[in-house]
Amino acid sequence: MISEGAYRIEFDEVAGFVDDLTRFARNVDDLTRALELRITDLHVAWTGEGATAHRSAHGQWREGATEIRDAIIDIRRAADHSHNAFRDLQEHQRTMWP
């Protein structure tokens, strides 16, 4: 029983959310690879200030996508660590009070 004002963590829900984030990151990676091919083809013939500005903006976008992917990796690690630590704590408590 959980007392009023207490909270609980639904680890399956957290794991599902992290799995959704991971799928999202993979999808972004796939789209980014496809986009890179098109941009490379585009810049074969496109030159000038517009092309330079586009390369710069695309570089910033790519950096942002990388930051998101890295953050999702960090979230997965943190969720896995929390889940394992909680499971280990529960097991420890069970051994203390049979």
N, C-alpha and C. Protein backbone atom coordinates (compact mmCIF):
# COMPACT_ATOMS: atom_id res chain seq x y z
N MET A 1 0.85 -1.18 0.00
CA MET A 1 0.00 0.00 0.00
C MET A 1 0.89 1.24 0.00
N ILE A 2 0.53 2.18 -0.79
CA ILE A 2 1.29 3.42 -0.89
C ILE A 2 0.57 4.49 -0.09
N SER A 3 1.31 5.19 0.75
CA SER A 3 0.69 6.22 1.58
C SER A 3 0.34 7.44 0.74
N GLU A 4 -0.58 8.24 1.26
CA GLU A 4 -0.99 9.45 0.56
C GLU A 4 0.20 10.38 0.40
N GLY A 5 0.33 10.95 -0.76
CA GLY A 5 1.45 11.85 -1.03
C GLY A 5 2.69 11.13 -1.53
N ALA A 6 2.69 9.81 -1.45
CA ALA A 6 3.83 9.04 -1.95
C ALA A 6 3.68 8.88 -3.46
N TYR A 7 4.71 8.49 -4.06
CA TYR A 7 4.65 8.25 -5.49
C TYR A 7 5.25 6.89 -5.80
N ARG A 8 4.96 6.41 -6.96
CA ARG A 8 5.52 5.15 -7.41
C ARG A 8 5.93 5.29 -8.86
N ILE A 9 6.86 4.48 -9.25
CA ILE A 9 7.36 4.51 -10.61
C ILE A 9 6.90 3.24 -11.31
N GLU A 10 6.29 3.41 -12.44
CA GLU A 10 5.88 2.28 -13.27
C GLU A 10 7.01 2.02 -14.26
N PHE A 11 7.90 1.10 -13.89
CA PHE A 11 9.09 0.87 -14.71
C PHE A 11 8.76 0.39 -16.11
N ASP A 12 7.68 -0.38 -16.25
CA ASP A 12 7.29 -0.82 -17.59
C ASP A 12 6.89 0.37 -18.46
N GLU A 13 6.20 1.33 -17.86
CA GLU A 13 5.81 2.54 -18.59
C GLU A 13 7.04 3.35 -18.99
N VAL A 14 7.97 3.49 -18.06
CA VAL A 14 9.21 4.22 -18.35
C VAL A 14 9.97 3.51 -19.47
N ALA A 15 10.07 2.19 -19.38
CA ALA A 15 10.78 1.42 -20.41
C ALA A 15 10.09 1.58 -21.77
N GLY A 16 8.77 1.57 -21.79
CA GLY A 16 8.04 1.78 -23.04
C GLY A 16 8.30 3.15 -23.63
N PHE A 17 8.32 4.16 -22.77
CA PHE A 17 8.60 5.52 -23.23
C PHE A 17 10.01 5.62 -23.80
N VAL A 18 10.97 5.03 -23.11
CA VAL A 18 12.35 5.05 -23.58
C VAL A 18 12.47 4.29 -24.91
N ASP A 19 11.75 3.19 -25.04
CA ASP A 19 11.75 2.46 -26.31
C ASP A 19 11.18 3.33 -27.43
N ASP A 20 10.12 4.07 -27.14
CA ASP A 20 9.56 4.99 -28.14
C ASP A 20 10.58 6.05 -28.54
N LEU A 21 11.28 6.60 -27.55
CA LEU A 21 12.32 7.59 -27.85
C LEU A 21 13.43 6.99 -28.71
N THR A 22 13.80 5.76 -28.41
CA THR A 22 14.86 5.10 -29.17
C THR A 22 14.43 4.88 -30.61
N ARG A 23 13.18 4.46 -30.81
CA ARG A 23 12.67 4.30 -32.18
C ARG A 23 12.66 5.63 -32.90
N PHE A 24 12.26 6.69 -32.20
CA PHE A 24 12.27 8.02 -32.79
C PHE A 24 13.69 8.41 -33.23
N ALA A 25 14.67 8.16 -32.37
CA ALA A 25 16.05 8.50 -32.70
C ALA A 25 16.54 7.72 -33.91
N ARG A 26 16.18 6.44 -33.99
CA ARG A 26 16.57 5.64 -35.16
C ARG A 26 15.94 6.19 -36.43
N ASN A 27 14.68 6.58 -36.33
CA ASN A 27 13.99 7.15 -37.47
C ASN A 27 14.67 8.44 -37.92
N VAL A 28 15.02 9.29 -36.97
CA VAL A 28 15.72 10.53 -37.30
C VAL A 28 17.06 10.22 -37.95
N ASP A 29 17.79 9.24 -37.43
CA ASP A 29 19.07 8.85 -38.03
C ASP A 29 18.87 8.39 -39.47
N ASP A 30 17.85 7.58 -39.72
CA ASP A 30 17.58 7.10 -41.08
C ASP A 30 17.24 8.27 -42.01
N LEU A 31 16.39 9.16 -41.53
CA LEU A 31 16.03 10.32 -42.34
C LEU A 31 17.23 11.23 -42.58
N THR A 32 18.07 11.37 -41.58
CA THR A 32 19.26 12.21 -41.72
C THR A 32 20.20 11.65 -42.78
N ARG A 33 20.40 10.34 -42.77
CA ARG A 33 21.26 9.72 -43.80
C ARG A 33 20.70 9.96 -45.19
N ALA A 34 19.40 9.79 -45.36
CA ALA A 34 18.77 10.02 -46.66
C ALA A 34 18.89 11.48 -47.06
N LEU A 35 18.69 12.37 -46.11
CA LEU A 35 18.80 13.80 -46.39
C LEU A 35 20.22 14.19 -46.77
N GLU A 36 21.20 13.61 -46.10
CA GLU A 36 22.60 13.91 -46.41
C GLU A 36 22.92 13.57 -47.87
N LEU A 37 22.40 12.47 -48.36
CA LEU A 37 22.63 12.10 -49.76
C LEU A 37 22.04 13.13 -50.71
N ARG A 38 20.84 13.57 -50.41
CA ARG A 38 20.20 14.58 -51.27
C ARG A 38 20.92 15.92 -51.21
N ILE A 39 21.35 16.29 -50.03
CA ILE A 39 22.05 17.57 -49.89
C ILE A 39 23.40 17.52 -50.60
N THR A 40 24.09 16.40 -50.50
CA THR A 40 25.36 16.25 -51.21
C THR A 40 25.14 16.42 -52.70
N ASP A 41 24.10 15.78 -53.24
CA ASP A 41 23.78 15.93 -54.66
C ASP A 41 23.42 17.37 -54.99
N LEU A 42 22.66 18.01 -54.13
CA LEU A 42 22.24 19.39 -54.35
C LEU A 42 23.43 20.33 -54.46
N HIS A 43 24.40 20.13 -53.58
CA HIS A 43 25.52 21.06 -53.54
C HIS A 43 26.58 20.79 -54.61
N VAL A 44 26.37 19.78 -55.43
CA VAL A 44 27.27 19.57 -56.57
C VAL A 44 27.15 20.75 -57.52
N ALA A 45 25.92 21.23 -57.71
CA ALA A 45 25.69 22.31 -58.67
C ALA A 45 25.34 23.65 -58.01
N TRP A 46 25.00 23.63 -56.73
CA TRP A 46 24.56 24.86 -56.07
C TRP A 46 25.75 25.52 -55.39
N THR A 47 25.99 26.76 -55.74
CA THR A 47 27.09 27.53 -55.16
C THR A 47 26.59 28.91 -54.78
N GLY A 48 27.44 29.67 -54.16
CA GLY A 48 27.10 31.04 -53.82
C GLY A 48 26.68 31.19 -52.37
N GLU A 49 26.18 32.40 -52.08
CA GLU A 49 25.80 32.73 -50.70
C GLU A 49 24.67 31.85 -50.18
N GLY A 50 23.70 31.58 -51.03
CA GLY A 50 22.57 30.73 -50.61
C GLY A 50 23.03 29.33 -50.24
N ALA A 51 23.92 28.78 -51.05
CA ALA A 51 24.44 27.44 -50.78
C ALA A 51 25.25 27.44 -49.48
N THR A 52 26.04 28.47 -49.29
CA THR A 52 26.85 28.57 -48.07
C THR A 52 25.95 28.69 -46.84
N ALA A 53 24.92 29.52 -46.94
CA ALA A 53 23.98 29.68 -45.82
C ALA A 53 23.25 28.36 -45.55
N HIS A 54 22.90 27.66 -46.61
CA HIS A 54 22.22 26.38 -46.44
C HIS A 54 23.12 25.37 -45.74
N ARG A 55 24.36 25.29 -46.15
CA ARG A 55 25.31 24.36 -45.50
C ARG A 55 25.44 24.68 -44.01
N SER A 56 25.51 25.97 -43.70
CA SER A 56 25.64 26.37 -42.30
C SER A 56 24.39 25.99 -41.50
N ALA A 57 23.22 26.29 -42.05
CA ALA A 57 21.96 25.97 -41.36
C ALA A 57 21.81 24.46 -41.22
N HIS A 58 22.17 23.73 -42.25
CA HIS A 58 22.06 22.27 -42.17
C HIS A 58 23.03 21.71 -41.13
N GLY A 59 24.21 22.29 -41.04
CA GLY A 59 25.18 21.87 -40.02
C GLY A 59 24.62 22.07 -38.62
N GLN A 60 23.95 23.19 -38.41
CA GLN A 60 23.33 23.44 -37.10
C GLN A 60 22.22 22.44 -36.83
N TRP A 61 21.43 22.14 -37.84
CA TRP A 61 20.36 21.16 -37.69
C TRP A 61 20.95 19.80 -37.34
N ARG A 62 22.01 19.41 -38.03
CA ARG A 62 22.66 18.12 -37.79
C ARG A 62 23.20 18.06 -36.36
N GLU A 63 23.79 19.16 -35.89
CA GLU A 63 24.28 19.20 -34.50
C GLU A 63 23.13 19.01 -33.52
N GLY A 64 22.01 19.66 -33.80
CA GLY A 64 20.83 19.51 -32.93
C GLY A 64 20.32 18.08 -32.91
N ALA A 65 20.28 17.45 -34.08
CA ALA A 65 19.83 16.05 -34.15
C ALA A 65 20.77 15.14 -33.37
N THR A 66 22.06 15.42 -33.44
CA THR A 66 23.05 14.63 -32.69
C THR A 66 22.85 14.82 -31.19
N GLU A 67 22.59 16.06 -30.77
CA GLU A 67 22.34 16.32 -29.34
C GLU A 67 21.11 15.56 -28.85
N ILE A 68 20.07 15.54 -29.67
CA ILE A 68 18.85 14.81 -29.29
C ILE A 68 19.16 13.32 -29.15
N ARG A 69 19.86 12.77 -30.13
CA ARG A 69 20.19 11.34 -30.08
C ARG A 69 21.02 11.03 -28.84
N ASP A 70 22.02 11.88 -28.55
CA ASP A 70 22.86 11.66 -27.37
C ASP A 70 22.05 11.76 -26.08
N ALA A 71 21.10 12.71 -26.04
CA ALA A 71 20.25 12.85 -24.85
C ALA A 71 19.38 11.61 -24.66
N ILE A 72 18.88 11.06 -25.75
CA ILE A 72 18.06 9.85 -25.65
C ILE A 72 18.89 8.68 -25.13
N ILE A 73 20.14 8.59 -25.57
CA ILE A 73 21.04 7.55 -25.06
C ILE A 73 21.23 7.74 -23.55
N ASP A 74 21.43 8.99 -23.12
CA ASP A 74 21.58 9.27 -21.68
C ASP A 74 20.32 8.91 -20.90
N ILE A 75 19.16 9.21 -21.47
CA ILE A 75 17.90 8.87 -20.81
C ILE A 75 17.78 7.36 -20.65
N ARG A 76 18.12 6.61 -21.70
CA ARG A 76 18.05 5.14 -21.62
C ARG A 76 18.97 4.63 -20.52
N ARG A 77 20.20 5.15 -20.48
CA ARG A 77 21.15 4.70 -19.45
C ARG A 77 20.61 5.01 -18.05
N ALA A 78 20.08 6.21 -17.87
CA ALA A 78 19.56 6.60 -16.56
C ALA A 78 18.36 5.73 -16.16
N ALA A 79 17.47 5.47 -17.11
CA ALA A 79 16.31 4.63 -16.81
C ALA A 79 16.74 3.21 -16.48
N ASP A 80 17.68 2.67 -17.24
CA ASP A 80 18.18 1.32 -16.95
C ASP A 80 18.85 1.26 -15.58
N HIS A 81 19.66 2.28 -15.29
CA HIS A 81 20.35 2.32 -13.99
C HIS A 81 19.33 2.38 -12.85
N SER A 82 18.34 3.25 -12.98
CA SER A 82 17.33 3.40 -11.93
C SER A 82 16.56 2.10 -11.74
N HIS A 83 16.19 1.48 -12.83
CA HIS A 83 15.44 0.23 -12.74
C HIS A 83 16.27 -0.84 -12.05
N ASN A 84 17.52 -0.98 -12.46
CA ASN A 84 18.39 -1.99 -11.85
C ASN A 84 18.64 -1.70 -10.37
N ALA A 85 18.87 -0.44 -10.03
CA ALA A 85 19.12 -0.08 -8.63
C ALA A 85 17.89 -0.37 -7.78
N PHE A 86 16.71 -0.04 -8.28
CA PHE A 86 15.48 -0.30 -7.53
C PHE A 86 15.25 -1.79 -7.37
N ARG A 87 15.46 -2.55 -8.43
CA ARG A 87 15.30 -4.01 -8.36
C ARG A 87 16.27 -4.60 -7.34
N ASP A 88 17.54 -4.14 -7.38
CA ASP A 88 18.53 -4.63 -6.43
C ASP A 88 18.16 -4.28 -4.99
N LEU A 89 17.63 -3.08 -4.79
CA LEU A 89 17.20 -2.66 -3.46
C LEU A 89 16.04 -3.53 -2.97
N GLN A 90 15.10 -3.80 -3.84
CA GLN A 90 13.98 -4.67 -3.45
C GLN A 90 14.50 -6.05 -3.05
N GLU A 91 15.41 -6.59 -3.82
CA GLU A 91 15.96 -7.91 -3.51
C GLU A 91 16.71 -7.88 -2.18
N HIS A 92 17.46 -6.83 -1.95
CA HIS A 92 18.19 -6.69 -0.69
C HIS A 92 17.21 -6.65 0.49
N GLN A 93 16.14 -5.89 0.35
CA GLN A 93 15.15 -5.79 1.42
C GLN A 93 14.46 -7.13 1.66
N ARG A 94 14.21 -7.88 0.62
CA ARG A 94 13.59 -9.20 0.78
C ARG A 94 14.50 -10.14 1.57
N THR A 95 15.80 -10.05 1.35
CA THR A 95 16.72 -10.94 2.07
C THR A 95 16.86 -10.52 3.53
N MET A 96 16.61 -9.24 3.83
CA MET A 96 16.73 -8.77 5.21
C MET A 96 15.52 -9.20 6.05
N TRP A 97 14.35 -9.24 5.44
CA TRP A 97 13.13 -9.58 6.16
C TRP A 97 12.42 -10.72 5.44
N PRO A 98 12.82 -11.92 5.76
CA PRO A 98 12.22 -13.08 5.06
C PRO A 98 10.75 -13.29 5.37
